[in-house]
Protein backbone atom coordinates (compact mmCIF):
# COMPACT_ATOMS: atom_id res chain seq x y z
CA MET A 1 0.00 0.00 0.00
CA ALA A 2 1.42 3.36 -0.97
CA ALA A 3 0.62 6.81 0.32
CA GLY A 4 -2.03 8.31 -1.88
CA ASP A 5 -3.77 4.98 -2.58
CA TYR A 6 -7.53 5.23 -2.29
CA PHE A 7 -9.86 2.48 -1.11
CA ARG A 8 -13.53 1.55 -1.28
CA PRO A 9 -15.41 0.58 1.90
CA ASP A 10 -14.89 -3.10 0.99
CA GLY A 11 -11.12 -2.49 1.00
CA ALA A 12 -10.73 -2.57 -2.79
CA LYS A 13 -8.56 0.10 -4.37
CA LYS A 14 -10.55 2.85 -6.09
CA THR A 15 -9.96 3.96 -9.63
CA HIS A 16 -8.47 7.43 -10.14
CA GLY A 17 -11.87 8.86 -11.16
CA GLU A 18 -13.56 7.56 -8.02
CA ALA A 19 -10.84 9.04 -5.81
CA LEU A 20 -11.13 12.64 -7.03
CA SER A 21 -14.04 13.70 -4.80
CA GLY A 22 -12.50 14.62 -1.45
CA MET A 23 -9.62 12.86 0.24
CA ASP A 24 -9.95 9.09 0.65
CA PHE A 25 -7.75 6.80 2.73
CA GLY A 26 -7.73 3.23 3.87
CA GLY A 27 -5.94 -0.01 4.34
CA ARG A 28 -5.93 -3.52 5.70
CA TYR A 29 -3.94 -4.55 8.75
CA LEU A 30 -3.33 -7.93 10.38
CA PHE A 31 -3.05 -7.74 14.18
CA GLY A 32 -1.41 -10.63 16.03
CA ALA A 33 -4.12 -10.45 18.70
CA ARG A 34 -7.67 -11.59 19.39
CA ARG A 35 -10.50 -9.54 17.88
CA GLY A 36 -11.92 -8.58 21.29
CA ASP A 37 -8.52 -7.26 22.37
CA VAL A 38 -8.16 -5.17 19.20
CA TRP A 39 -11.69 -3.79 19.73
CA GLY A 40 -10.82 -2.90 23.32
CA ALA A 41 -7.65 -1.08 22.28
CA LEU A 42 -9.51 0.92 19.61
CA ASN A 43 -11.88 2.19 22.31
CA ASP A 44 -9.42 2.79 25.16
CA THR A 45 -8.73 6.54 25.56
CA ASP A 46 -5.42 5.93 27.36
CA ILE A 47 -4.17 3.89 24.40
CA LEU A 48 -5.63 6.36 21.88
CA ARG A 49 -3.97 9.33 23.61
CA ALA A 50 -0.63 7.49 23.49
CA VAL A 51 -0.86 6.55 19.80
CA ILE A 52 -2.61 9.47 18.09
CA PRO A 53 0.21 11.77 16.95
CA GLY A 54 -0.14 15.19 18.56
CA CYS A 55 -3.10 14.15 20.74
CA GLU A 56 -3.32 16.62 23.60
CA TYR A 57 -6.71 15.49 24.94
CA ILE A 58 -9.29 12.74 24.31
CA ALA A 59 -12.22 11.72 26.50
CA TRP A 60 -15.55 9.93 26.21
CA THR A 61 -18.42 12.41 26.58
CA GLY A 62 -21.19 9.84 26.04
CA PRO A 63 -21.65 6.18 25.13
CA HIS A 64 -20.76 6.87 21.48
CA THR A 65 -19.07 10.31 21.53
CA LEU A 66 -15.58 11.60 22.25
CA ASP A 67 -14.01 15.06 22.39
CA LEU A 68 -10.40 15.53 21.39
CA SER A 69 -7.68 18.06 20.69
CA ILE A 70 -4.84 17.24 18.29
CA ARG A 71 -1.81 19.23 17.15
CA VAL A 72 -1.40 18.32 13.48
CA HIS A 73 1.91 18.55 11.61
CA LEU A 74 1.24 19.67 8.01
CA GLY A 75 4.67 20.56 6.73
CA LEU A 76 5.69 23.82 8.39
CA VAL A 77 2.19 24.44 9.74
CA ARG A 78 1.20 22.89 13.10
CA PRO A 79 -2.40 23.83 13.89
CA VAL A 80 -4.37 22.49 16.85
CA PHE A 81 -7.66 20.93 15.83
CA ALA A 82 -10.35 20.68 18.50
CA GLY A 83 -13.14 18.35 17.56
CA ASP A 84 -15.53 15.58 18.28
CA LEU A 85 -15.93 11.97 17.19
CA THR A 86 -19.17 10.00 16.96
CA LEU A 87 -19.46 6.23 16.66
CA SER A 88 -22.48 4.80 14.83
CA ASN A 89 -23.49 1.45 13.36
CA VAL A 90 -21.71 -0.09 16.35
CA ARG A 91 -21.47 -3.88 16.32
CA PRO A 92 -19.16 -4.68 19.27
CA ALA A 93 -15.94 -6.46 18.31
CA GLU A 94 -17.05 -6.44 14.63
CA SER A 95 -17.45 -2.95 13.15
CA TYR A 96 -18.42 0.69 13.51
CA THR A 97 -18.53 3.94 11.62
CA LEU A 98 -16.51 6.79 13.08
CA ALA A 99 -17.38 10.36 12.04
CA GLY A 100 -15.47 13.42 13.16
CA ARG A 101 -15.09 17.15 12.73
CA GLY A 102 -12.13 19.26 13.73
CA ARG A 103 -11.77 23.02 13.81
CA GLY A 104 -8.28 24.41 13.27
CA GLY A 105 -8.79 28.13 13.84
CA VAL A 106 -7.77 30.16 10.79
CA LEU A 107 -7.02 26.93 8.91
CA GLY A 108 -10.71 26.07 8.82
CA LEU A 109 -12.58 22.83 9.21
CA ALA A 110 -11.60 19.22 8.55
CA GLN A 111 -14.17 16.44 8.67
CA GLY A 112 -14.31 12.80 7.79
CA ALA A 113 -15.88 9.41 8.32
CA ALA A 114 -14.39 5.94 8.50
CA ASP A 115 -15.75 2.42 8.41
CA ILE A 116 -13.72 0.05 10.57
CA THR A 117 -14.31 -3.69 10.36
CA LEU A 118 -12.69 -6.48 12.38
CA ALA A 119 -12.70 -10.15 11.42
CA ASP A 120 -10.99 -13.27 12.71
CA ALA A 121 -8.04 -14.23 10.52
CA GLU A 122 -5.29 -16.80 10.58
CA GLY A 123 -2.75 -15.44 13.02
CA GLY A 124 -5.06 -12.90 14.67
CA THR A 125 -7.47 -10.21 13.54
CA LEU A 126 -7.93 -8.53 10.17
CA LEU A 127 -8.81 -4.82 10.42
CA VAL A 128 -10.15 -3.12 7.29
CA PHE A 129 -10.25 0.68 7.34
CA ALA A 130 -11.91 2.86 4.68
CA ALA A 131 -12.29 6.60 5.16
CA ALA A 132 -13.23 9.76 3.31
CA GLY A 133 -12.38 13.27 4.41
CA LYS A 134 -12.97 16.85 3.40
CA ALA A 135 -11.30 20.10 4.37
CA ASP A 136 -11.95 23.74 3.69
CA GLY A 137 -10.32 27.11 4.27
CA GLY A 138 -6.58 27.22 4.83
CA VAL A 139 -6.30 23.45 5.20
CA MET A 140 -7.41 22.99 1.60
CA ARG A 141 -4.97 25.63 0.37
CA LEU A 142 -2.12 23.52 1.77
CA GLY A 143 -2.91 21.10 -1.00
CA ARG A 144 -4.65 17.76 -1.27
CA ALA A 145 -1.43 15.90 -2.09
CA LEU A 146 0.39 17.07 1.06
CA ILE A 147 -2.61 16.29 3.25
CA GLY A 148 -3.17 12.91 1.60
CA ARG A 149 0.44 11.79 2.04
CA SER A 150 0.48 12.97 5.64
CA ALA A 151 -2.86 11.36 6.49
CA GLN A 152 -2.00 7.93 5.05
CA ARG A 153 1.35 7.96 6.89
CA VAL A 154 -0.44 8.87 10.13
CA ILE A 155 -3.06 6.13 9.61
CA ASP A 156 -0.42 3.45 9.00
CA GLY A 157 1.56 4.63 12.03
CA PHE A 158 -1.59 4.77 14.16
CA PHE A 159 -2.44 1.10 13.63
CA GLU A 160 1.20 0.03 14.10
CA SER A 161 1.29 2.01 17.37
CA ILE A 162 -1.96 0.41 18.57
CA GLY A 163 -0.28 -2.97 18.07
CA ARG A 164 2.81 -1.88 20.02
CA GLU A 165 0.64 -0.64 22.91
CA MET A 166 -1.14 -4.02 22.92
CA GLY A 167 2.13 -5.96 22.69
CA ALA A 168 0.97 -7.40 19.35
CA GLY A 169 2.55 -7.30 15.92
CA VAL A 170 0.75 -5.48 13.09
CA THR A 171 1.32 -6.09 9.40
CA ALA A 172 0.01 -3.69 6.75
CA LEU A 173 -1.50 -5.80 3.96
CA SER A 174 -1.83 -4.91 0.31
CA PRO A 175 -5.33 -3.97 -0.78
CA PRO A 176 -7.49 -6.51 -2.62
CA GLU A 177 -8.17 -6.12 -6.33
CA PRO A 178 -10.99 -3.69 -7.20
CA SER A 179 -14.49 -5.13 -7.28
CA ALA A 180 -17.38 -4.10 -9.53
CA ASP A 181 -19.81 -3.26 -6.72
CA PHE A 182 -18.95 0.10 -5.17
CA ASP A 183 -21.11 1.63 -2.44
CA GLN A 184 -21.78 5.11 -3.87
CA THR A 185 -23.24 6.35 -0.58
CA PHE A 186 -19.82 6.30 1.09
CA LYS A 187 -18.46 8.91 -1.33
CA ASN A 188 -20.67 11.67 0.12
């Protein structure tokens, strides 16, 4: 998987034309741990604070909502984004959709949504991650390519760091071949 690759919710790589609307990211990761343990780590604010680069604050504010503050490194610019995350479509130890919005002062607003799916796999747990994001204001002026490269690097590092915190190995897997059935609703 290379920075700048784009993925469908089913983990298949998108075509260039499909990837042009917004910023899309994703990947597949094999954790050397049980699915329940991976689920627990993904929902543990102490682990999240330790592994989210620049995370200054994260806390549950409700059963499916979190507030957070993150200092983001975008080249020479290092804005602090304050935001919120909402989990929906929650199927414990199987999947959820994570939606978030972050405000970065004069740099504007960044928002996105991600589908995260866990499945038992030989050697541990397969995590499939597919996300789409949008930005406006100064963030967008920094350029889609810079943001895309930075975001994919952060995502890969995030999942590797989760594994380290759990004491489990994590292997980034190559994406599957594109499939014909693409869920158009995820693009919005």
